[in-house]
Structures are given as C-alpha cells and as structure tokens.
PDB file of N, CA and C in Angstrom:
ATOM      1  N   MET A   1      19.354 -29.024   7.719  1.00  0.00           N
ATOM      2  CA  MET A   1      19.185 -27.986   8.709  1.00  0.00           C
ATOM      3  C   MET A   1      20.160 -28.156   9.866  1.00  0.00           C
ATOM      4  N   GLN A   2      20.884 -29.251   9.858  1.00  0.00           N
ATOM      5  CA  GLN A   2      21.838 -29.499  10.940  1.00  0.00           C
ATOM      6  C   GLN A   2      22.878 -28.397  11.021  1.00  0.00           C
ATOM      7  N   HIS A   3      23.385 -27.933   9.884  1.00  0.00           N
ATOM      8  CA  HIS A   3      24.401 -26.888   9.887  1.00  0.00           C
ATOM      9  C   HIS A   3      23.819 -25.557  10.358  1.00  0.00           C
ATOM     10  N   VAL A   4      22.621 -25.252   9.931  1.00  0.00           N
ATOM     11  CA  VAL A   4      21.982 -24.008  10.343  1.00  0.00           C
ATOM     12  C   VAL A   4      21.809 -24.001  11.862  1.00  0.00           C
ATOM     13  N   SER A   5      21.428 -25.131  12.425  1.00  0.00           N
ATOM     14  CA  SER A   5      21.226 -25.230  13.870  1.00  0.00           C
ATOM     15  C   SER A   5      22.498 -24.884  14.631  1.00  0.00           C
ATOM     16  N   CYS A   6      23.607 -25.398  14.175  1.00  0.00           N
ATOM     17  CA  CYS A   6      24.893 -25.129  14.820  1.00  0.00           C
ATOM     18  C   CYS A   6      25.202 -23.632  14.798  1.00  0.00           C
ATOM     19  N   TYR A   7      25.008 -23.008  13.659  1.00  0.00           N
ATOM     20  CA  TYR A   7      25.313 -21.583  13.528  1.00  0.00           C
ATOM     21  C   TYR A   7      24.312 -20.712  14.283  1.00  0.00           C
ATOM     22  N   LEU A   8      23.055 -21.137  14.347  1.00  0.00           N
ATOM     23  CA  LEU A   8      22.059 -20.370  15.100  1.00  0.00           C
ATOM     24  C   LEU A   8      22.448 -20.270  16.567  1.00  0.00           C
ATOM     25  N   ARG A   9      22.977 -21.356  17.106  1.00  0.00           N
ATOM     26  CA  ARG A   9      23.394 -21.343  18.509  1.00  0.00           C
ATOM     27  C   ARG A   9      24.596 -20.433  18.734  1.00  0.00           C
ATOM     28  N   GLN A  10      25.432 -20.270  17.715  1.00  0.00           N
ATOM     29  CA  GLN A  10      26.621 -19.424  17.841  1.00  0.00           C
ATOM     30  C   GLN A  10      26.311 -17.937  17.715  1.00  0.00           C
ATOM     31  N   LEU A  11      25.110 -17.602  17.300  1.00  0.00           N
ATOM     32  CA  LEU A  11      24.748 -16.192  17.137  1.00  0.00           C
ATOM     33  C   LEU A  11      24.735 -15.424  18.450  1.00  0.00           C
ATOM     34  N   THR A  12      24.598 -16.125  19.566  1.00  0.00           N
ATOM     35  CA  THR A  12      24.541 -15.446  20.856  1.00  0.00           C
ATOM     36  C   THR A  12      25.923 -15.260  21.485  1.00  0.00           C
ATOM     37  N   CYS A  13      26.948 -15.626  20.760  1.00  0.00           N
ATOM     38  CA  CYS A  13      28.316 -15.499  21.268  1.00  0.00           C
ATOM     39  C   CYS A  13      28.685 -14.021  21.420  1.00  0.00           C
ATOM     40  N   ASP A  14      29.384 -13.704  22.501  1.00  0.00           N
ATOM     41  CA  ASP A  14      29.817 -12.327  22.736  1.00  0.00           C
ATOM     42  C   ASP A  14      30.991 -11.920  21.840  1.00  0.00           C
ATOM     43  N   ASP A  15      31.679 -12.894  21.295  1.00  0.00           N
ATOM     44  CA  ASP A  15      32.816 -12.621  20.406  1.00  0.00           C
ATOM     45  C   ASP A  15      32.284 -12.121  19.065  1.00  0.00           C
ATOM     46  N   GLY A  16      32.640 -10.901  18.710  1.00  0.00           N
ATOM     47  CA  GLY A  16      32.142 -10.293  17.479  1.00  0.00           C
ATOM     48  C   GLY A  16      32.517 -11.052  16.226  1.00  0.00           C
ATOM     49  N   ASP A  17      33.726 -11.632  16.200  1.00  0.00           N
ATOM     50  CA  ASP A  17      34.159 -12.390  15.032  1.00  0.00           C
ATOM     51  C   ASP A  17      33.342 -13.665  14.848  1.00  0.00           C
ATOM     52  N   VAL A  18      33.078 -14.350  15.951  1.00  0.00           N
ATOM     53  CA  VAL A  18      32.268 -15.569  15.890  1.00  0.00           C
ATOM     54  C   VAL A  18      30.860 -15.220  15.427  1.00  0.00           C
ATOM     55  N   TYR A  19      30.313 -14.147  15.978  1.00  0.00           N
ATOM     56  CA  TYR A  19      28.972 -13.718  15.577  1.00  0.00           C
ATOM     57  C   TYR A  19      28.927 -13.399  14.076  1.00  0.00           C
ATOM     58  N   GLU A  20      29.896 -12.643  13.592  1.00  0.00           N
ATOM     59  CA  GLU A  20      29.918 -12.264  12.167  1.00  0.00           C
ATOM     60  C   GLU A  20      29.965 -13.494  11.273  1.00  0.00           C
ATOM     61  N   GLU A  21      30.846 -14.430  11.603  1.00  0.00           N
ATOM     62  CA  GLU A  21      30.954 -15.653  10.798  1.00  0.00           C
ATOM     63  C   GLU A  21      29.666 -16.470  10.856  1.00  0.00           C
ATOM     64  N   ALA A  22      29.121 -16.629  12.051  1.00  0.00           N
ATOM     65  CA  ALA A  22      27.894 -17.414  12.210  1.00  0.00           C
ATOM     66  C   ALA A  22      26.728 -16.773  11.462  1.00  0.00           C
ATOM     67  N   SER A  23      26.600 -15.455  11.549  1.00  0.00           N
ATOM     68  CA  SER A  23      25.479 -14.788  10.877  1.00  0.00           C
ATOM     69  C   SER A  23      25.616 -14.882   9.361  1.00  0.00           C
ATOM     70  N   GLN A  24      26.838 -14.789   8.859  1.00  0.00           N
ATOM     71  CA  GLN A  24      27.040 -14.935   7.415  1.00  0.00           C
ATOM     72  C   GLN A  24      26.713 -16.358   6.967  1.00  0.00           C
ATOM     73  N   CYS A  25      27.115 -17.344   7.764  1.00  0.00           N
ATOM     74  CA  CYS A  25      26.819 -18.738   7.423  1.00  0.00           C
ATOM     75  C   CYS A  25      25.318 -19.012   7.455  1.00  0.00           C
ATOM     76  N   VAL A  26      24.628 -18.502   8.469  1.00  0.00           N
ATOM     77  CA  VAL A  26      23.167 -18.672   8.546  1.00  0.00           C
ATOM     78  C   VAL A  26      22.516 -18.040   7.323  1.00  0.00           C
ATOM     79  N   SER A  27      22.976 -16.858   6.961  1.00  0.00           N
ATOM     80  CA  SER A  27      22.411 -16.165   5.812  1.00  0.00           C
ATOM     81  C   SER A  27      22.622 -16.960   4.527  1.00  0.00           C
ATOM     82  N   LEU A  28      23.834 -17.438   4.317  1.00  0.00           N
ATOM     83  CA  LEU A  28      24.131 -18.207   3.094  1.00  0.00           C
ATOM     84  C   LEU A  28      23.356 -19.520   3.052  1.00  0.00           C
ATOM     85  N   LEU A  29      23.291 -20.213   4.179  1.00  0.00           N
ATOM     86  CA  LEU A  29      22.538 -21.470   4.202  1.00  0.00           C
ATOM     87  C   LEU A  29      21.049 -21.233   3.988  1.00  0.00           C
ATOM     88  N   ALA A  30      20.531 -20.149   4.521  1.00  0.00           N
ATOM     89  CA  ALA A  30      19.115 -19.815   4.291  1.00  0.00           C
ATOM     90  C   ALA A  30      18.867 -19.508   2.822  1.00  0.00           C
ATOM     91  N   GLN A  31      19.835 -18.850   2.176  1.00  0.00           N
ATOM     92  CA  GLN A  31      19.703 -18.561   0.751  1.00  0.00           C
ATOM     93  C   GLN A  31      19.742 -19.851  -0.068  1.00  0.00           C
ATOM     94  N   LEU A  32      20.628 -20.761   0.318  1.00  0.00           N
ATOM     95  CA  LEU A  32      20.772 -22.018  -0.423  1.00  0.00           C
ATOM     96  C   LEU A  32      19.594 -22.955  -0.237  1.00  0.00           C
ATOM     97  N   TYR A  33      19.159 -23.118   1.003  1.00  0.00           N
ATOM     98  CA  TYR A  33      18.147 -24.130   1.315  1.00  0.00           C
ATOM     99  C   TYR A  33      16.764 -23.568   1.575  1.00  0.00           C
ATOM    100  N   GLY A  34      16.662 -22.274   1.780  1.00  0.00           N
ATOM    101  CA  GLY A  34      15.355 -21.677   2.059  1.00  0.00           C
ATOM    102  C   GLY A  34      14.699 -22.338   3.242  1.00  0.00           C
ATOM    103  N   GLY A  35      13.450 -22.683   3.113  1.00  0.00           N
ATOM    104  CA  GLY A  35      12.700 -23.268   4.217  1.00  0.00           C
ATOM    105  C   GLY A  35      12.747 -24.768   4.285  1.00  0.00           C
ATOM    106  N   ASP A  36      13.581 -25.419   3.450  1.00  0.00           N
ATOM    107  CA  ASP A  36      13.674 -26.879   3.492  1.00  0.00           C
ATOM    108  C   ASP A  36      14.098 -27.341   4.878  1.00  0.00           C
ATOM    109  N   GLY A  37      13.266 -28.069   5.524  1.00  0.00           N
ATOM    110  CA  GLY A  37      13.578 -28.606   6.843  1.00  0.00           C
ATOM    111  C   GLY A  37      13.334 -27.640   7.982  1.00  0.00           C
ATOM    112  N   ALA A  38      12.746 -26.490   7.697  1.00  0.00           N
ATOM    113  CA  ALA A  38      12.525 -25.495   8.747  1.00  0.00           C
ATOM    114  C   ALA A  38      11.586 -26.008   9.833  1.00  0.00           C
ATOM    115  N   GLU A  39      10.733 -26.965   9.491  1.00  0.00           N
ATOM    116  CA  GLU A  39       9.835 -27.504  10.508  1.00  0.00           C
ATOM    117  C   GLU A  39      10.603 -28.266  11.587  1.00  0.00           C
ATOM    118  N   HIS A  40      11.878 -28.534  11.343  1.00  0.00           N
ATOM    119  CA  HIS A  40      12.713 -29.226  12.318  1.00  0.00           C
ATOM    120  C   HIS A  40      13.495 -28.274  13.211  1.00  0.00           C
ATOM    121  N   LEU A  41      13.297 -26.978  13.033  1.00  0.00           N
ATOM    122  CA  LEU A  41      13.972 -26.021  13.916  1.00  0.00           C
ATOM    123  C   LEU A  41      13.472 -26.227  15.336  1.00  0.00           C
ATOM    124  N   GLN A  42      14.397 -26.300  16.246  1.00  0.00           N
ATOM    125  CA  GLN A  42      14.074 -26.520  17.654  1.00  0.00           C
ATOM    126  C   GLN A  42      13.764 -25.186  18.338  1.00  0.00           C
ATOM    127  N   PRO A  43      12.947 -25.206  19.383  1.00  0.00           N
ATOM    128  CA  PRO A  43      12.642 -23.969  20.116  1.00  0.00           C
ATOM    129  C   PRO A  43      13.896 -23.254  20.616  1.00  0.00           C
ATOM    130  N   GLU A  44      14.916 -24.033  21.032  1.00  0.00           N
ATOM    131  CA  GLU A  44      16.154 -23.407  21.505  1.00  0.00           C
ATOM    132  C   GLU A  44      16.838 -22.605  20.398  1.00  0.00           C
ATOM    133  N   GLU A  45      16.753 -23.111  19.183  1.00  0.00           N
ATOM    134  CA  GLU A  45      17.383 -22.427  18.051  1.00  0.00           C
ATOM    135  C   GLU A  45      16.666 -21.116  17.752  1.00  0.00           C
ATOM    136  N   LEU A  46      15.351 -21.137  17.829  1.00  0.00           N
ATOM    137  CA  LEU A  46      14.584 -19.918  17.616  1.00  0.00           C
ATOM    138  C   LEU A  46      14.827 -18.923  18.742  1.00  0.00           C
ATOM    139  N   LEU A  47      14.995 -19.435  19.966  1.00  0.00           N
ATOM    140  CA  LEU A  47      15.325 -18.556  21.088  1.00  0.00           C
ATOM    141  C   LEU A  47      16.713 -17.940  20.911  1.00  0.00           C
ATOM    142  N   SER A  48      17.655 -18.712  20.364  1.00  0.00           N
ATOM    143  CA  SER A  48      18.990 -18.169  20.085  1.00  0.00           C
ATOM    144  C   SER A  48      18.901 -17.033  19.085  1.00  0.00           C
ATOM    145  N   LEU A  49      18.086 -17.216  18.071  1.00  0.00           N
ATOM    146  CA  LEU A  49      17.912 -16.172  17.071  1.00  0.00           C
ATOM    147  C   LEU A  49      17.265 -14.938  17.696  1.00  0.00           C
ATOM    148  N   ALA A  50      16.263 -15.133  18.527  1.00  0.00           N
ATOM    149  CA  ALA A  50      15.612 -14.000  19.199  1.00  0.00           C
ATOM    150  C   ALA A  50      16.589 -13.282  20.121  1.00  0.00           C
ATOM    151  N   HIS A  51      17.404 -14.051  20.828  1.00  0.00           N
ATOM    152  CA  HIS A  51      18.396 -13.454  21.728  1.00  0.00           C
ATOM    153  C   HIS A  51      19.440 -12.677  20.919  1.00  0.00           C
ATOM    154  N   ALA A  52      19.848 -13.212  19.795  1.00  0.00           N
ATOM    155  CA  ALA A  52      20.822 -12.523  18.937  1.00  0.00           C
ATOM    156  C   ALA A  52      20.249 -11.200  18.431  1.00  0.00           C
ATOM    157  N   LEU A  53      18.969 -11.187  18.109  1.00  0.00           N
ATOM    158  CA  LEU A  53      18.336  -9.944  17.658  1.00  0.00           C
ATOM    159  C   LEU A  53      18.317  -8.894  18.764  1.00  0.00           C
ATOM    160  N   GLN A  54      18.197  -9.335  20.010  1.00  0.00           N
ATOM    161  CA  GLN A  54      18.216  -8.406  21.132  1.00  0.00           C
ATOM    162  C   GLN A  54      19.630  -7.928  21.440  1.00  0.00           C
ATOM    163  N   MET A  55      20.610  -8.810  21.281  1.00  0.00           N
ATOM    164  CA  MET A  55      22.002  -8.468  21.599  1.00  0.00           C
ATOM    165  C   MET A  55      22.633  -7.539  20.565  1.00  0.00           C
ATOM    166  N   HIS A  56      22.355  -7.810  19.312  1.00  0.00           N
ATOM    167  CA  HIS A  56      23.002  -7.095  18.220  1.00  0.00           C
ATOM    168  C   HIS A  56      22.000  -6.107  17.630  1.00  0.00           C
ATOM    169  N   THR A  57      22.114  -4.878  18.065  1.00  0.00           N
ATOM    170  CA  THR A  57      21.094  -3.884  17.732  1.00  0.00           C
ATOM    171  C   THR A  57      21.440  -3.037  16.511  1.00  0.00           C
ATOM    172  N   GLU A  58      22.592  -3.283  15.920  1.00  0.00           N
ATOM    173  CA  GLU A  58      22.939  -2.526  14.716  1.00  0.00           C
ATOM    174  C   GLU A  58      21.957  -2.911  13.597  1.00  0.00           C
ATOM    175  N   PRO A  59      21.375  -1.933  12.903  1.00  0.00           N
ATOM    176  CA  PRO A  59      20.366  -2.230  11.881  1.00  0.00           C
ATOM    177  C   PRO A  59      20.841  -3.220  10.808  1.00  0.00           C
ATOM    178  N   ARG A  60      22.090  -3.128  10.389  1.00  0.00           N
ATOM    179  CA  ARG A  60      22.595  -4.037   9.355  1.00  0.00           C
ATOM    180  C   ARG A  60      22.583  -5.479   9.864  1.00  0.00           C
ATOM    181  N   GLN A  61      22.973  -5.678  11.109  1.00  0.00           N
ATOM    182  CA  GLN A  61      22.993  -7.020  11.696  1.00  0.00           C
ATOM    183  C   GLN A  61      21.577  -7.570  11.832  1.00  0.00           C
ATOM    184  N   GLN A  62      20.672  -6.738  12.303  1.00  0.00           N
ATOM    185  CA  GLN A  62      19.297  -7.195  12.471  1.00  0.00           C
ATOM    186  C   GLN A  62      18.636  -7.490  11.126  1.00  0.00           C
ATOM    187  N   LYS A  63      18.923  -6.683  10.151  1.00  0.00           N
ATOM    188  CA  LYS A  63      18.345  -6.902   8.823  1.00  0.00           C
ATOM    189  C   LYS A  63      18.804  -8.245   8.257  1.00  0.00           C
ATOM    190  N   LEU A  64      20.086  -8.554   8.426  1.00  0.00           N
ATOM    191  CA  LEU A  64      20.632  -9.824   7.944  1.00  0.00           C
ATOM    192  C   LEU A  64      19.945 -10.997   8.636  1.00  0.00           C
ATOM    193  N   LEU A  65      19.797 -10.915   9.961  1.00  0.00           N
ATOM    194  CA  LEU A  65      19.165 -11.998  10.709  1.00  0.00           C
ATOM    195  C   LEU A  65      17.687 -12.144  10.360  1.00  0.00           C
ATOM    196  N   LEU A  66      16.997 -11.035  10.227  1.00  0.00           N
ATOM    197  CA  LEU A  66      15.571 -11.101   9.887  1.00  0.00           C
ATOM    198  C   LEU A  66      15.345 -11.640   8.480  1.00  0.00           C
ATOM    199  N   ARG A  67      16.224 -11.283   7.562  1.00  0.00           N
ATOM    200  CA  ARG A  67      16.112 -11.805   6.204  1.00  0.00           C
ATOM    201  C   ARG A  67      16.346 -13.318   6.205  1.00  0.00           C
ATOM    202  N   ALA A  68      17.342 -13.775   6.961  1.00  0.00           N
ATOM    203  CA  ALA A  68      17.611 -15.213   7.053  1.00  0.00           C
ATOM    204  C   ALA A  68      16.427 -15.936   7.685  1.00  0.00           C
ATOM    205  N   LEU A  69      15.865 -15.370   8.747  1.00  0.00           N
ATOM    206  CA  LEU A  69      14.705 -15.976   9.398  1.00  0.00           C
ATOM    207  C   LEU A  69      13.529 -16.082   8.430  1.00  0.00           C
ATOM    208  N   LYS A  70      13.296 -15.041   7.673  1.00  0.00           N
ATOM    209  CA  LYS A  70      12.205 -15.052   6.702  1.00  0.00           C
ATOM    210  C   LYS A  70      12.391 -16.177   5.691  1.00  0.00           C
ATOM    211  N   ARG A  71      13.616 -16.355   5.218  1.00  0.00           N
ATOM    212  CA  ARG A  71      13.885 -17.429   4.250  1.00  0.00           C
ATOM    213  C   ARG A  71      13.715 -18.793   4.883  1.00  0.00           C
ATOM    214  N   LEU A  72      14.150 -18.923   6.139  1.00  0.00           N
ATOM    215  CA  LEU A  72      14.059 -20.215   6.809  1.00  0.00           C
ATOM    216  C   LEU A  72      12.625 -20.645   7.035  1.00  0.00           C
ATOM    217  N   VAL A  73      11.765 -19.726   7.375  1.00  0.00           N
ATOM    218  CA  VAL A  73      10.373 -20.104   7.677  1.00  0.00           C
ATOM    219  C   VAL A  73       9.448 -20.005   6.472  1.00  0.00           C
ATOM    220  N   SER A  74       9.931 -19.482   5.366  1.00  0.00           N
ATOM    221  CA  SER A  74       9.055 -19.314   4.197  1.00  0.00           C
ATOM    222  C   SER A  74       8.549 -20.638   3.654  1.00  0.00           C
ATOM    223  N   GLY A  75       9.275 -21.703   3.835  1.00  0.00           N
ATOM    224  CA  GLY A  75       8.840 -23.004   3.335  1.00  0.00           C
ATOM    225  C   GLY A  75       7.891 -23.733   4.255  1.00  0.00           C
ATOM    226  N   CYS A  76       7.646 -23.191   5.435  1.00  0.00           N
ATOM    227  CA  CYS A  76       6.787 -23.869   6.425  1.00  0.00           C
ATOM    228  C   CYS A  76       5.316 -23.606   6.208  1.00  0.00           C
ATOM    229  N   GLN A  77       4.974 -22.688   5.363  1.00  0.00           N
ATOM    230  CA  GLN A  77       3.574 -22.280   5.244  1.00  0.00           C
ATOM    231  C   GLN A  77       2.773 -23.217   4.408  1.00  0.00           C
TER     232      GLN A  77
END
C-alpha cells in the first residue's frame, strides 16, 4: 500500500497532468491489489481522496476515483 499512499497524496495536485497520472496509478494499483493492506490507509490519505473528489468534478474523473476507493476498501470488511 506504500505506492498507493504516494499517489493518493498526489491526487490533490493542481497540475492536471500529475493528477491524471496519479489517478491512473491509483486505479491500476487498486485493480492489482484490491483491499490488501487497506486497513493501513492513513486518515490523511483518505482526506486526500475526499479532497480530490471535491476538486475534480468531471464525472469520468469521479467515477475512476470512486471505483478505486471501492476496490481499496472492499478487503476491509
């Protein structure tokens, strides 16, 4: 989950290119690892994701982030 944490923090970047790369990486890592280690997500990382959802209001961007979040927390139940 170390890599996911790094990319989650980059989601709040104002640079569109950085955001696009970070969101794609979060999505791919969530697909690969699912919820493995999700219990180690820090509150700051979840806040970064929430902030990114507020900043990036395009439906495609939000759908990608919400799908990644769902995969990340699916293993915690």
